[in-house]
Amino acid sequence: MVGVGPEMVSADMAYDADGLRAGGAQAGQAAGTAGGVAGALAPVSCEMAMFGVVAGAAGLAAAVLRSRDAHQRLAEQAATVHADVQGRAGQVAADGDGLTAQTAQTAAVARQGTPVAGR
């Protein structure tokens, strides 16, 4: 703030709690999708017979199963991370709402020149 009385100028600040909540909701949707992928991969099997009677069929089937396992773990991790982001975004939005309200009260007191209780 600059000046005193009618000349006082204040900086306007905005806090986009709704944007945080929307981002959190999108993270929640991503968590659900990733969890669905992990669940869909779990029952997938790969038998060497699927590749025919060839010398490398057993190795190829094993490689496909290792890949499936890795992708399932990554999908589970993504689900966990996105669910955490959803929770954190909601908490930050709620904290910001509280700070915004507190700042508005403080600014109103500063404009009126009324001392803050307890000082």
Protein backbone atom coordinates (compact mmCIF):
# COMPACT_ATOMS: atom_id res chain seq x y z
CA MET A 1 0.00 0.00 0.00
CA VAL A 2 1.17 3.47 -0.79
CA GLY A 3 0.01 6.71 0.81
CA VAL A 4 -2.43 7.47 3.59
CA GLY A 5 -6.11 8.34 3.51
CA PRO A 6 -7.75 9.04 0.15
CA GLU A 7 -4.41 8.65 -1.66
CA MET A 8 -3.93 5.10 -0.35
CA VAL A 9 -3.50 2.59 -3.14
CA SER A 10 -3.63 -1.16 -2.66
CA ALA A 11 -2.62 -4.04 -4.87
CA ASP A 12 -5.43 -6.33 -5.91
CA MET A 13 -4.71 -10.00 -5.48
CA ALA A 14 -6.71 -12.94 -6.66
CA TYR A 15 -6.62 -16.56 -5.62
CA ASP A 16 -8.10 -19.08 -8.02
CA ALA A 17 -9.50 -21.66 -5.61
CA ASP A 18 -12.02 -22.79 -8.22
CA GLY A 19 -9.17 -23.47 -10.65
CA LEU A 20 -7.40 -25.55 -8.02
CA ARG A 21 -10.57 -27.50 -7.34
CA ALA A 22 -11.11 -28.08 -11.07
CA GLY A 23 -7.51 -29.27 -11.44
CA GLY A 24 -7.98 -31.52 -8.44
CA ALA A 25 -11.11 -33.00 -10.00
CA GLN A 26 -9.20 -33.70 -13.21
CA ALA A 27 -6.44 -35.36 -11.19
CA GLY A 28 -9.13 -37.49 -9.53
CA GLN A 29 -10.42 -38.55 -12.93
CA ALA A 30 -6.87 -39.40 -14.02
CA ALA A 31 -6.43 -41.46 -10.84
CA GLY A 32 -9.59 -43.38 -11.65
CA THR A 33 -8.46 -44.01 -15.21
CA ALA A 34 -5.02 -45.17 -14.13
CA GLY A 35 -6.56 -47.43 -11.51
CA GLY A 36 -8.82 -48.89 -14.17
CA VAL A 37 -5.84 -49.58 -16.41
CA ALA A 38 -4.01 -51.32 -13.56
CA GLY A 39 -7.08 -53.42 -12.87
CA ALA A 40 -7.52 -54.31 -16.53
CA LEU A 41 -3.90 -55.41 -16.87
CA ALA A 42 -3.90 -57.63 -13.79
CA PRO A 43 -5.77 -60.62 -15.24
CA VAL A 44 -4.04 -60.53 -18.63
CA SER A 45 -2.08 -63.67 -19.37
CA CYS A 46 0.31 -64.48 -22.15
CA GLU A 47 1.05 -68.09 -22.97
CA MET A 48 3.85 -69.04 -25.27
CA ALA A 49 1.37 -70.95 -27.43
CA MET A 50 -0.03 -67.56 -28.50
CA PHE A 51 3.15 -67.05 -30.53
CA GLY A 52 3.10 -70.40 -32.24
CA VAL A 53 5.54 -73.23 -32.19
CA VAL A 54 8.75 -71.29 -32.63
CA ALA A 55 12.03 -71.32 -30.76
CA GLY A 56 11.58 -67.87 -29.19
CA ALA A 57 7.96 -68.22 -28.10
CA ALA A 58 8.75 -68.83 -24.41
CA GLY A 59 11.12 -65.84 -24.25
CA LEU A 60 8.66 -63.58 -26.05
CA ALA A 61 5.80 -64.60 -23.74
CA ALA A 62 7.99 -63.94 -20.70
CA ALA A 63 8.97 -60.53 -22.07
CA VAL A 64 5.31 -59.62 -22.68
CA LEU A 65 4.44 -60.61 -19.10
CA ARG A 66 7.33 -58.55 -17.69
CA SER A 67 6.11 -55.60 -19.71
CA ARG A 68 2.56 -56.12 -18.46
CA ASP A 69 3.80 -56.23 -14.86
CA ALA A 70 5.81 -53.03 -15.33
CA HIS A 71 2.88 -51.21 -16.91
CA GLN A 72 0.55 -52.39 -14.16
CA ARG A 73 2.94 -51.07 -11.48
CA LEU A 74 3.27 -47.75 -13.30
CA ALA A 75 -0.52 -47.43 -13.61
CA GLU A 76 -0.91 -48.13 -9.89
CA GLN A 77 1.72 -45.50 -9.10
CA ALA A 78 0.02 -42.99 -11.39
CA ALA A 79 -3.31 -43.65 -9.68
CA THR A 80 -1.74 -43.05 -6.27
CA VAL A 81 0.05 -39.87 -7.34
CA HIS A 82 -3.02 -38.38 -9.01
CA ALA A 83 -5.22 -39.19 -6.03
CA ASP A 84 -2.65 -37.43 -3.82
CA VAL A 85 -2.65 -34.40 -6.15
CA GLN A 86 -6.44 -34.28 -5.96
CA GLY A 87 -6.32 -34.21 -2.17
CA ARG A 88 -3.57 -31.61 -2.04
CA ALA A 89 -5.29 -29.32 -4.53
CA GLY A 90 -8.46 -29.40 -2.45
CA GLN A 91 -6.52 -28.62 0.72
CA VAL A 92 -4.63 -25.75 -0.91
CA ALA A 93 -7.91 -24.33 -2.26
CA ALA A 94 -9.47 -24.48 1.20
CA ASP A 95 -6.39 -22.90 2.78
CA GLY A 96 -6.44 -20.18 0.14
CA ASP A 97 -10.10 -19.46 0.82
CA GLY A 98 -9.22 -18.94 4.47
CA LEU A 99 -6.25 -16.72 3.67
CA THR A 100 -8.29 -14.68 1.20
CA ALA A 101 -11.01 -14.08 3.79
CA GLN A 102 -8.44 -13.15 6.43
CA THR A 103 -6.63 -10.79 4.04
CA ALA A 104 -9.92 -9.12 3.07
CA GLN A 105 -10.71 -8.51 6.75
CA THR A 106 -7.24 -7.10 7.38
CA ALA A 107 -7.51 -4.84 4.34
CA ALA A 108 -10.90 -3.56 5.47
CA VAL A 109 -9.49 -2.73 8.89
CA ALA A 110 -6.49 -1.01 7.27
CA ARG A 111 -8.77 1.12 5.08
CA GLN A 112 -10.88 2.16 8.06
CA GLY A 113 -7.89 2.81 10.27
CA THR A 114 -9.39 0.69 13.04
CA PRO A 115 -6.74 -1.04 15.13
CA VAL A 116 -6.66 -4.82 15.08
CA ALA A 117 -7.75 -6.37 18.39
CA GLY A 118 -4.91 -7.68 20.50
CA ARG A 119 -2.28 -5.21 19.30
